[in-house]
């Protein structure tokens, strides 16, 4: 069951202290969005960010028990990445967490992100710093589009990334190995 959204339009990023550098990429973008467009940010799992805290930004501790609730209360999930060799190997788990909770996603077009996100269907790819602002504001202004993209992401999770799908694939592999 999905939780009620926060009253204020809120963008979520979830990560660990070692991945804080990725949210820090958006330091100036976040400042513009909070000051000029009254967008709120929820940053989960990273207290060592260089992003200046203000009334529209909250930093929360990560907790397995409440991570879904904290994500569900938000309106958009983001996954900024650098375009380096290391990031090409990132798995996109953060995107799957957001989509599981029916959030539209805005992501860097890197690594597994390219395999998970379908631009303008279940999320948006950014090609420039201004795209972060453009797509966040687009979804803030268009609740119907935001909801549709979030639902498309949830459908993808249920179809392609759920436990049953992987259980069936695993059992087929085991069955083939047993026949050999």
N, C-alpha and C. Protein backbone atom coordinates (compact mmCIF):
# COMPACT_ATOMS: atom_id res chain seq x y z
N UNK A 1 0.84 -1.18 0.00
CA UNK A 1 0.00 0.00 0.00
C UNK A 1 0.88 1.24 0.00
N UNK A 2 0.56 2.17 -0.89
CA UNK A 2 1.37 3.38 -0.98
C UNK A 2 0.98 4.38 0.09
N UNK A 3 1.99 5.04 0.62
CA UNK A 3 1.78 6.06 1.65
C UNK A 3 1.36 7.37 1.00
N UNK A 4 0.79 8.22 1.81
CA UNK A 4 0.38 9.55 1.36
C UNK A 4 1.63 10.39 1.07
N UNK A 5 1.57 11.15 -0.02
CA UNK A 5 2.68 12.01 -0.42
C UNK A 5 2.80 13.19 0.54
N UNK A 6 4.02 13.71 0.64
CA UNK A 6 4.24 14.93 1.40
C UNK A 6 3.47 16.05 0.71
N UNK A 7 3.03 17.01 1.49
CA UNK A 7 2.29 18.16 0.95
C UNK A 7 3.18 18.93 -0.02
N UNK A 8 4.42 19.16 0.37
CA UNK A 8 5.35 19.90 -0.47
C UNK A 8 5.96 18.96 -1.50
N UNK A 9 6.07 19.43 -2.75
CA UNK A 9 6.64 18.63 -3.82
C UNK A 9 8.09 18.29 -3.47
N UNK A 10 8.36 16.99 -3.33
CA UNK A 10 9.64 16.55 -2.78
C UNK A 10 10.34 15.56 -3.71
N UNK A 11 11.62 15.81 -3.93
CA UNK A 11 12.50 14.95 -4.72
C UNK A 11 13.34 14.15 -3.73
N UNK A 12 13.48 12.85 -3.98
CA UNK A 12 14.25 12.00 -3.07
C UNK A 12 15.49 11.46 -3.76
N UNK A 13 16.55 11.36 -2.99
CA UNK A 13 17.77 10.66 -3.37
C UNK A 13 18.12 9.77 -2.19
N UNK A 14 18.41 8.50 -2.46
CA UNK A 14 18.83 7.59 -1.41
C UNK A 14 20.20 7.04 -1.78
N UNK A 15 21.07 6.97 -0.80
CA UNK A 15 22.41 6.47 -1.07
C UNK A 15 23.17 6.23 0.22
N UNK A 16 24.46 6.07 0.09
CA UNK A 16 25.32 5.83 1.24
C UNK A 16 26.36 6.93 1.30
N UNK A 17 27.08 7.03 2.42
CA UNK A 17 28.12 8.05 2.48
C UNK A 17 29.12 7.96 1.32
N UNK A 18 29.40 6.74 0.84
CA UNK A 18 30.36 6.61 -0.26
C UNK A 18 29.80 7.06 -1.60
N UNK A 19 28.48 7.16 -1.73
CA UNK A 19 27.89 7.61 -3.00
C UNK A 19 27.40 9.06 -2.92
N UNK A 20 27.70 9.74 -1.84
CA UNK A 20 27.30 11.14 -1.66
C UNK A 20 27.80 12.03 -2.79
N UNK A 21 28.94 11.67 -3.35
CA UNK A 21 29.50 12.50 -4.43
C UNK A 21 28.52 12.66 -5.58
N UNK A 22 27.61 11.69 -5.76
CA UNK A 22 26.67 11.78 -6.87
C UNK A 22 25.57 12.81 -6.61
N UNK A 23 25.07 12.89 -5.40
CA UNK A 23 24.07 13.92 -5.11
C UNK A 23 24.75 15.30 -5.08
N UNK A 24 26.01 15.32 -4.66
CA UNK A 24 26.74 16.58 -4.63
C UNK A 24 26.94 17.17 -6.03
N UNK A 25 26.87 16.33 -7.07
CA UNK A 25 26.93 16.82 -8.45
C UNK A 25 25.86 17.89 -8.68
N UNK A 26 24.72 17.70 -8.00
CA UNK A 26 23.57 18.59 -8.21
C UNK A 26 23.49 19.74 -7.21
N UNK A 27 24.57 20.03 -6.53
CA UNK A 27 24.55 21.07 -5.50
C UNK A 27 23.93 22.38 -6.00
N UNK A 28 24.39 22.89 -7.12
CA UNK A 28 23.86 24.16 -7.64
C UNK A 28 22.43 24.01 -8.14
N UNK A 29 22.13 22.89 -8.78
CA UNK A 29 20.77 22.62 -9.27
C UNK A 29 19.79 22.58 -8.10
N UNK A 30 20.18 21.92 -7.03
CA UNK A 30 19.32 21.82 -5.84
C UNK A 30 19.09 23.20 -5.24
N UNK A 31 20.13 24.00 -5.19
CA UNK A 31 19.98 25.36 -4.65
C UNK A 31 18.97 26.15 -5.49
N UNK A 32 19.08 26.07 -6.81
CA UNK A 32 18.15 26.78 -7.69
C UNK A 32 16.73 26.26 -7.50
N UNK A 33 16.56 24.95 -7.47
CA UNK A 33 15.22 24.36 -7.34
C UNK A 33 14.57 24.71 -6.00
N UNK A 34 15.37 24.72 -4.93
CA UNK A 34 14.79 25.03 -3.61
C UNK A 34 14.47 26.52 -3.48
N UNK A 35 15.35 27.37 -4.00
CA UNK A 35 15.16 28.81 -3.84
C UNK A 35 14.17 29.41 -4.85
N UNK A 36 14.27 29.01 -6.10
CA UNK A 36 13.48 29.64 -7.15
C UNK A 36 12.14 28.93 -7.39
N UNK A 37 12.11 27.62 -7.22
CA UNK A 37 10.91 26.84 -7.58
C UNK A 37 10.22 26.18 -6.39
N UNK A 38 10.71 26.44 -5.19
CA UNK A 38 10.13 25.89 -3.96
C UNK A 38 9.98 24.37 -4.00
N UNK A 39 10.99 23.70 -4.54
CA UNK A 39 11.04 22.24 -4.53
C UNK A 39 11.76 21.81 -3.25
N UNK A 40 11.29 20.74 -2.66
CA UNK A 40 11.90 20.19 -1.45
C UNK A 40 12.73 18.97 -1.82
N UNK A 41 13.77 18.70 -1.05
CA UNK A 41 14.62 17.54 -1.27
C UNK A 41 14.73 16.73 0.02
N UNK A 42 14.66 15.43 -0.15
CA UNK A 42 14.88 14.48 0.95
C UNK A 42 16.10 13.65 0.55
N UNK A 43 17.15 13.79 1.30
CA UNK A 43 18.40 13.06 1.04
C UNK A 43 18.56 12.03 2.15
N UNK A 44 18.50 10.76 1.75
CA UNK A 44 18.51 9.65 2.71
C UNK A 44 19.85 8.93 2.65
N UNK A 45 20.48 8.78 3.80
CA UNK A 45 21.67 7.95 3.91
C UNK A 45 22.98 8.68 3.76
N UNK A 46 22.95 9.97 3.66
CA UNK A 46 24.19 10.71 3.48
C UNK A 46 24.17 11.98 4.30
N UNK A 47 24.95 11.97 5.35
CA UNK A 47 25.01 13.17 6.18
C UNK A 47 26.27 13.99 5.89
N UNK A 48 27.14 13.49 5.01
CA UNK A 48 28.39 14.21 4.75
C UNK A 48 28.38 14.93 3.41
N UNK A 49 27.19 15.27 2.92
CA UNK A 49 27.07 15.99 1.66
C UNK A 49 27.56 17.42 1.83
N UNK A 50 28.07 17.97 0.73
CA UNK A 50 28.49 19.38 0.77
C UNK A 50 27.33 20.32 0.44
N UNK A 51 26.16 19.75 0.19
CA UNK A 51 24.98 20.57 -0.10
C UNK A 51 24.60 21.34 1.16
N UNK A 52 24.43 22.64 1.00
CA UNK A 52 24.06 23.50 2.13
C UNK A 52 22.61 23.22 2.53
N UNK A 53 22.41 22.88 3.77
CA UNK A 53 21.07 22.61 4.25
C UNK A 53 20.28 23.92 4.28
N UNK A 54 19.01 23.83 3.86
CA UNK A 54 18.11 24.96 4.02
C UNK A 54 16.73 24.42 4.37
N UNK A 55 15.74 25.28 4.49
CA UNK A 55 14.42 24.84 4.95
C UNK A 55 13.76 23.83 4.01
N UNK A 56 14.23 23.75 2.77
CA UNK A 56 13.64 22.84 1.79
C UNK A 56 14.44 21.54 1.62
N UNK A 57 15.46 21.34 2.43
CA UNK A 57 16.28 20.13 2.30
C UNK A 57 16.34 19.43 3.65
N UNK A 58 16.03 18.12 3.61
CA UNK A 58 16.19 17.35 4.84
C UNK A 58 17.15 16.19 4.58
N UNK A 59 18.01 15.94 5.54
CA UNK A 59 18.94 14.83 5.51
C UNK A 59 18.46 13.82 6.54
N UNK A 60 18.19 12.60 6.09
CA UNK A 60 17.69 11.56 7.00
C UNK A 60 18.61 10.35 7.00
N UNK A 61 18.66 9.68 8.14
CA UNK A 61 19.43 8.44 8.23
C UNK A 61 18.72 7.35 7.45
N UNK A 62 19.52 6.49 6.83
CA UNK A 62 18.95 5.33 6.14
C UNK A 62 18.56 4.29 7.18
N UNK A 63 17.44 3.64 6.94
CA UNK A 63 16.96 2.60 7.83
C UNK A 63 16.16 1.62 6.98
N UNK A 64 16.52 0.35 7.01
CA UNK A 64 15.84 -0.65 6.19
C UNK A 64 14.34 -0.68 6.45
N UNK A 65 13.95 -0.52 7.71
CA UNK A 65 12.53 -0.62 8.06
C UNK A 65 11.69 0.52 7.50
N UNK A 66 12.28 1.70 7.37
CA UNK A 66 11.44 2.83 6.93
C UNK A 66 11.82 3.40 5.57
N UNK A 67 12.74 2.78 4.85
CA UNK A 67 13.17 3.37 3.57
C UNK A 67 12.02 3.47 2.56
N UNK A 68 11.18 2.44 2.47
CA UNK A 68 10.07 2.52 1.52
C UNK A 68 9.09 3.63 1.89
N UNK A 69 8.79 3.76 3.15
CA UNK A 69 7.89 4.83 3.59
C UNK A 69 8.48 6.21 3.24
N UNK A 70 9.76 6.38 3.49
CA UNK A 70 10.40 7.66 3.20
C UNK A 70 10.42 7.96 1.71
N UNK A 71 10.58 6.93 0.88
CA UNK A 71 10.56 7.12 -0.57
C UNK A 71 9.14 7.40 -1.06
N UNK A 72 8.18 6.61 -0.59
CA UNK A 72 6.79 6.74 -1.04
C UNK A 72 6.22 8.13 -0.78
N UNK A 73 6.65 8.77 0.27
CA UNK A 73 6.13 10.10 0.61
C UNK A 73 6.58 11.17 -0.39
N UNK A 74 7.55 10.85 -1.23
CA UNK A 74 8.11 11.83 -2.16
C UNK A 74 7.44 11.73 -3.52
N UNK A 75 7.79 12.64 -4.41
CA UNK A 75 7.14 12.75 -5.71
C UNK A 75 8.00 12.27 -6.88
N UNK A 76 9.32 12.39 -6.75
CA UNK A 76 10.26 12.00 -7.81
C UNK A 76 11.49 11.39 -7.14
N UNK A 77 12.07 10.39 -7.80
CA UNK A 77 13.36 9.85 -7.37
C UNK A 77 14.42 10.20 -8.40
N UNK A 78 15.61 10.56 -7.92
CA UNK A 78 16.69 10.95 -8.84
C UNK A 78 17.92 10.07 -8.64
N UNK A 79 18.65 9.90 -9.74
CA UNK A 79 19.91 9.15 -9.70
C UNK A 79 20.94 9.82 -10.60
N UNK A 80 21.60 10.86 -10.08
CA UNK A 80 22.68 11.48 -10.85
C UNK A 80 23.94 10.62 -10.76
N UNK A 81 24.65 10.50 -11.85
CA UNK A 81 25.92 9.79 -11.89
C UNK A 81 26.91 10.56 -12.75
N UNK A 82 28.18 10.29 -12.52
CA UNK A 82 29.21 10.80 -13.42
C UNK A 82 29.29 9.85 -14.61
N UNK A 83 29.97 10.26 -15.65
CA UNK A 83 30.11 9.43 -16.85
C UNK A 83 31.53 8.86 -16.91
N UNK A 84 31.84 7.96 -15.98
CA UNK A 84 33.15 7.33 -15.92
C UNK A 84 33.01 5.82 -15.99
N UNK A 85 34.11 5.11 -16.09
CA UNK A 85 34.08 3.64 -16.18
C UNK A 85 33.38 3.02 -14.97
N UNK A 86 33.67 3.51 -13.77
CA UNK A 86 33.07 2.94 -12.56
C UNK A 86 31.55 2.99 -12.61
N UNK A 87 31.03 4.13 -13.02
CA UNK A 87 29.58 4.33 -13.04
C UNK A 87 28.90 3.47 -14.10
N UNK A 88 29.63 3.09 -15.15
CA UNK A 88 29.05 2.22 -16.17
C UNK A 88 28.68 0.86 -15.56
N UNK A 89 29.30 0.50 -14.46
CA UNK A 89 29.02 -0.77 -13.79
C UNK A 89 28.00 -0.67 -12.68
N UNK A 90 27.49 0.51 -12.40
CA UNK A 90 26.48 0.65 -11.35
C UNK A 90 25.21 -0.07 -11.78
N UNK A 91 24.50 -0.65 -10.82
CA UNK A 91 23.41 -1.58 -11.14
C UNK A 91 22.03 -0.94 -11.30
N UNK A 92 21.83 0.26 -10.88
CA UNK A 92 20.51 0.88 -11.02
C UNK A 92 19.55 0.53 -9.89
N UNK A 93 20.06 -0.03 -8.81
CA UNK A 93 19.19 -0.45 -7.70
C UNK A 93 18.35 0.70 -7.17
N UNK A 94 18.95 1.87 -7.09
CA UNK A 94 18.24 3.06 -6.59
C UNK A 94 16.99 3.33 -7.44
N UNK A 95 17.14 3.21 -8.77
CA UNK A 95 16.01 3.42 -9.67
C UNK A 95 14.91 2.40 -9.38
N UNK A 96 15.31 1.15 -9.20
CA UNK A 96 14.34 0.09 -8.91
C UNK A 96 13.61 0.37 -7.60
N UNK A 97 14.31 0.90 -6.61
CA UNK A 97 13.66 1.27 -5.34
C UNK A 97 12.59 2.34 -5.57
N UNK A 98 12.93 3.34 -6.34
CA UNK A 98 11.97 4.41 -6.62
C UNK A 98 10.77 3.87 -7.39
N UNK A 99 11.05 3.11 -8.44
CA UNK A 99 9.96 2.58 -9.27
C UNK A 99 9.07 1.63 -8.48
N UNK A 100 9.66 0.83 -7.62
CA UNK A 100 8.88 -0.07 -6.77
C UNK A 100 7.82 0.71 -6.00
N UNK A 101 8.16 1.94 -5.66
CA UNK A 101 7.27 2.80 -4.89
C UNK A 101 6.51 3.79 -5.78
N UNK A 102 6.43 3.49 -7.08
CA UNK A 102 5.64 4.24 -8.06
C UNK A 102 6.08 5.69 -8.24
N UNK A 103 7.37 5.96 -8.07
CA UNK A 103 7.88 7.31 -8.31
C UNK A 103 8.44 7.39 -9.72
N UNK A 104 8.15 8.48 -10.44
CA UNK A 104 8.85 8.70 -11.70
C UNK A 104 10.31 8.98 -11.36
N UNK A 105 11.20 8.66 -12.29
CA UNK A 105 12.62 8.83 -12.04
C UNK A 105 13.24 9.77 -13.06
N UNK A 106 14.26 10.47 -12.59
CA UNK A 106 15.08 11.31 -13.46
C UNK A 106 16.51 10.87 -13.19
N UNK A 107 17.21 10.45 -14.25
CA UNK A 107 18.49 9.78 -14.06
C UNK A 107 19.51 10.21 -15.11
N UNK A 108 20.77 9.98 -14.78
CA UNK A 108 21.85 10.12 -15.76
C UNK A 108 21.80 8.93 -16.70
N UNK A 109 22.10 9.17 -17.95
CA UNK A 109 22.08 8.11 -18.97
C UNK A 109 23.43 7.38 -18.93
N UNK A 110 23.59 6.52 -17.92
CA UNK A 110 24.85 5.81 -17.70
C UNK A 110 24.55 4.38 -17.24
N UNK A 111 25.36 3.45 -17.69
CA UNK A 111 25.30 2.08 -17.20
C UNK A 111 23.93 1.44 -17.29
N UNK A 112 23.55 0.74 -16.23
CA UNK A 112 22.27 0.01 -16.20
C UNK A 112 21.07 0.94 -16.28
N UNK A 113 21.26 2.20 -15.96
CA UNK A 113 20.15 3.15 -16.06
C UNK A 113 19.54 3.10 -17.47
N UNK A 114 20.39 2.92 -18.48
CA UNK A 114 19.94 2.90 -19.88
C UNK A 114 19.06 1.68 -20.15
N UNK A 115 19.26 0.61 -19.40
CA UNK A 115 18.47 -0.61 -19.59
C UNK A 115 17.15 -0.58 -18.82
N UNK A 116 17.09 0.22 -17.78
CA UNK A 116 15.91 0.26 -16.91
C UNK A 116 14.91 1.33 -17.33
N UNK A 117 15.43 2.50 -17.61
CA UNK A 117 14.56 3.65 -17.89
C UNK A 117 14.24 3.74 -19.38
N UNK A 118 12.97 3.98 -19.67
CA UNK A 118 12.52 4.31 -21.02
C UNK A 118 12.13 5.79 -20.98
N UNK A 119 12.91 6.61 -21.68
CA UNK A 119 12.71 8.07 -21.62
C UNK A 119 11.28 8.44 -21.99
N UNK A 120 10.69 9.23 -21.15
CA UNK A 120 9.34 9.77 -21.31
C UNK A 120 8.25 8.71 -21.09
N UNK A 121 8.63 7.50 -20.68
CA UNK A 121 7.64 6.46 -20.40
C UNK A 121 7.61 6.15 -18.90
N UNK A 122 8.77 5.82 -18.32
CA UNK A 122 8.82 5.56 -16.87
C UNK A 122 9.84 6.46 -16.18
N UNK A 123 10.35 7.43 -16.92
CA UNK A 123 11.32 8.36 -16.34
C UNK A 123 11.92 9.23 -17.42
N UNK A 124 12.94 9.97 -17.02
CA UNK A 124 13.61 10.87 -17.95
C UNK A 124 15.12 10.73 -17.80
N UNK A 125 15.82 10.80 -18.93
CA UNK A 125 17.28 10.89 -18.93
C UNK A 125 17.68 12.35 -19.02
N UNK A 126 18.72 12.70 -18.29
CA UNK A 126 19.24 14.06 -18.39
C UNK A 126 20.48 14.04 -19.28
N UNK A 127 20.60 15.06 -20.10
CA UNK A 127 21.76 15.21 -20.98
C UNK A 127 22.58 16.44 -20.63
N UNK A 128 22.04 17.27 -19.73
CA UNK A 128 22.73 18.49 -19.33
C UNK A 128 22.26 18.88 -17.93
N UNK A 129 23.01 19.72 -17.24
CA UNK A 129 22.56 20.16 -15.91
C UNK A 129 21.16 20.79 -15.93
N UNK A 130 20.85 21.54 -16.98
CA UNK A 130 19.53 22.18 -17.06
C UNK A 130 18.39 21.18 -17.19
N UNK A 131 18.67 19.97 -17.71
CA UNK A 131 17.64 18.95 -17.82
C UNK A 131 17.09 18.54 -16.45
N UNK A 132 17.94 18.57 -15.41
CA UNK A 132 17.45 18.24 -14.07
C UNK A 132 16.31 19.18 -13.70
N UNK A 133 16.55 20.47 -13.90
CA UNK A 133 15.53 21.47 -13.58
C UNK A 133 14.31 21.28 -14.48
N UNK A 134 14.54 21.15 -15.78
CA UNK A 134 13.45 21.03 -16.76
C UNK A 134 12.51 19.88 -16.40
N UNK A 135 13.06 18.69 -16.13
CA UNK A 135 12.20 17.53 -15.89
C UNK A 135 11.57 17.55 -14.48
N UNK A 136 12.28 18.04 -13.51
CA UNK A 136 11.69 18.14 -12.17
C UNK A 136 10.51 19.10 -12.20
N UNK A 137 10.68 20.25 -12.83
CA UNK A 137 9.59 21.23 -12.90
C UNK A 137 8.45 20.70 -13.77
N UNK A 138 8.78 20.02 -14.85
CA UNK A 138 7.74 19.43 -15.71
C UNK A 138 6.85 18.48 -14.90
N UNK A 139 7.45 17.63 -14.09
CA UNK A 139 6.68 16.69 -13.28
C UNK A 139 5.97 17.38 -12.13
N UNK A 140 6.57 18.44 -11.60
CA UNK A 140 5.91 19.19 -10.52
C UNK A 140 4.64 19.85 -11.04
N UNK A 141 4.70 20.37 -12.25
CA UNK A 141 3.56 21.09 -12.82
C UNK A 141 2.49 20.16 -13.38
N UNK A 142 2.86 18.93 -13.74
CA UNK A 142 1.92 18.03 -14.40
C UNK A 142 1.74 16.76 -13.57
N UNK A 143 0.82 16.84 -12.61
CA UNK A 143 0.57 15.72 -11.70
C UNK A 143 0.13 14.47 -12.45
N UNK A 144 -0.68 14.65 -13.48
CA UNK A 144 -1.18 13.51 -14.25
C UNK A 144 -0.03 12.77 -14.93
N UNK A 145 0.88 13.51 -15.55
CA UNK A 145 2.04 12.91 -16.19
C UNK A 145 2.93 12.21 -15.17
N UNK A 146 3.15 12.88 -14.04
CA UNK A 146 3.97 12.32 -12.98
C UNK A 146 3.42 10.98 -12.50
N UNK A 147 2.12 10.95 -12.28
CA UNK A 147 1.47 9.72 -11.81
C UNK A 147 1.57 8.61 -12.86
N UNK A 148 1.34 8.96 -14.12
CA UNK A 148 1.42 7.99 -15.22
C UNK A 148 2.82 7.38 -15.33
N UNK A 149 3.83 8.22 -15.27
CA UNK A 149 5.21 7.74 -15.38
C UNK A 149 5.57 6.87 -14.17
N UNK A 150 5.10 7.27 -12.98
CA UNK A 150 5.33 6.46 -11.78
C UNK A 150 4.67 5.09 -11.88
N UNK A 151 3.46 5.05 -12.39
CA UNK A 151 2.74 3.78 -12.56
C UNK A 151 3.44 2.90 -13.60
N UNK A 152 3.92 3.52 -14.68
CA UNK A 152 4.67 2.75 -15.69
C UNK A 152 5.92 2.11 -15.09
N UNK A 153 6.59 2.84 -14.21
CA UNK A 153 7.76 2.28 -13.54
C UNK A 153 7.39 1.12 -12.64
N UNK A 154 6.31 1.26 -11.90
CA UNK A 154 5.83 0.19 -11.01
C UNK A 154 5.48 -1.06 -11.83
N UNK A 155 4.82 -0.86 -12.99
CA UNK A 155 4.47 -1.98 -13.86
C UNK A 155 5.73 -2.70 -14.34
N UNK A 156 6.77 -1.93 -14.68
CA UNK A 156 8.04 -2.53 -15.11
C UNK A 156 8.62 -3.41 -14.00
N UNK A 157 8.59 -2.92 -12.79
CA UNK A 157 9.11 -3.68 -11.64
C UNK A 157 8.34 -4.99 -11.50
N UNK A 158 7.03 -4.91 -11.56
CA UNK A 158 6.21 -6.11 -11.38
C UNK A 158 6.42 -7.11 -12.52
N UNK A 159 6.68 -6.60 -13.72
CA UNK A 159 6.84 -7.48 -14.88
C UNK A 159 8.25 -8.07 -14.98
N UNK A 160 9.25 -7.26 -14.71
CA UNK A 160 10.62 -7.66 -15.05
C UNK A 160 11.55 -7.87 -13.86
N UNK A 161 11.28 -7.24 -12.73
CA UNK A 161 12.25 -7.24 -11.63
C UNK A 161 11.71 -7.84 -10.33
N UNK A 162 10.62 -8.56 -10.36
CA UNK A 162 10.10 -9.09 -9.11
C UNK A 162 10.72 -10.45 -8.79
N UNK A 163 10.54 -10.90 -7.56
CA UNK A 163 11.13 -12.16 -7.09
C UNK A 163 10.67 -13.35 -7.92
N UNK A 164 9.40 -13.36 -8.30
CA UNK A 164 8.85 -14.51 -9.04
C UNK A 164 9.55 -14.67 -10.39
N UNK A 165 9.81 -13.56 -11.08
CA UNK A 165 10.49 -13.63 -12.37
C UNK A 165 11.86 -14.27 -12.20
N UNK A 166 12.60 -13.82 -11.20
CA UNK A 166 13.94 -14.36 -10.98
C UNK A 166 13.90 -15.79 -10.45
N UNK A 167 12.91 -16.10 -9.66
CA UNK A 167 12.76 -17.47 -9.17
C UNK A 167 12.55 -18.41 -10.35
N UNK A 168 11.65 -18.04 -11.27
CA UNK A 168 11.37 -18.87 -12.44
C UNK A 168 12.62 -19.04 -13.31
N UNK A 169 13.36 -17.95 -13.54
CA UNK A 169 14.59 -18.03 -14.34
C UNK A 169 15.60 -18.94 -13.66
N UNK A 170 15.75 -18.80 -12.35
CA UNK A 170 16.69 -19.61 -11.59
C UNK A 170 16.32 -21.10 -11.68
N UNK A 171 15.04 -21.39 -11.51
CA UNK A 171 14.60 -22.79 -11.56
C UNK A 171 14.80 -23.40 -12.95
N UNK A 172 14.63 -22.61 -14.00
CA UNK A 172 14.88 -23.11 -15.36
C UNK A 172 16.35 -23.44 -15.55
N UNK A 173 17.22 -22.59 -15.03
CA UNK A 173 18.66 -22.85 -15.13
C UNK A 173 19.02 -24.11 -14.37
N UNK A 174 18.52 -24.25 -13.14
CA UNK A 174 18.79 -25.44 -12.34
C UNK A 174 18.26 -26.69 -13.03
N UNK A 175 17.07 -26.58 -13.62
CA UNK A 175 16.48 -27.71 -14.32
C UNK A 175 17.36 -28.14 -15.50
N UNK A 176 17.84 -27.15 -16.27
CA UNK A 176 18.73 -27.45 -17.40
C UNK A 176 20.02 -28.11 -16.94
N UNK A 177 20.59 -27.61 -15.83
CA UNK A 177 21.84 -28.20 -15.30
C UNK A 177 21.60 -29.63 -14.85
N UNK A 178 20.45 -29.90 -14.27
CA UNK A 178 20.14 -31.25 -13.81
C UNK A 178 19.98 -32.21 -14.97
N UNK A 179 19.54 -31.73 -16.13
CA UNK A 179 19.35 -32.59 -17.30
C UNK A 179 20.66 -32.93 -17.97
N UNK A 180 21.69 -32.12 -17.73
CA UNK A 180 23.00 -32.37 -18.35
C UNK A 180 23.78 -33.34 -17.59
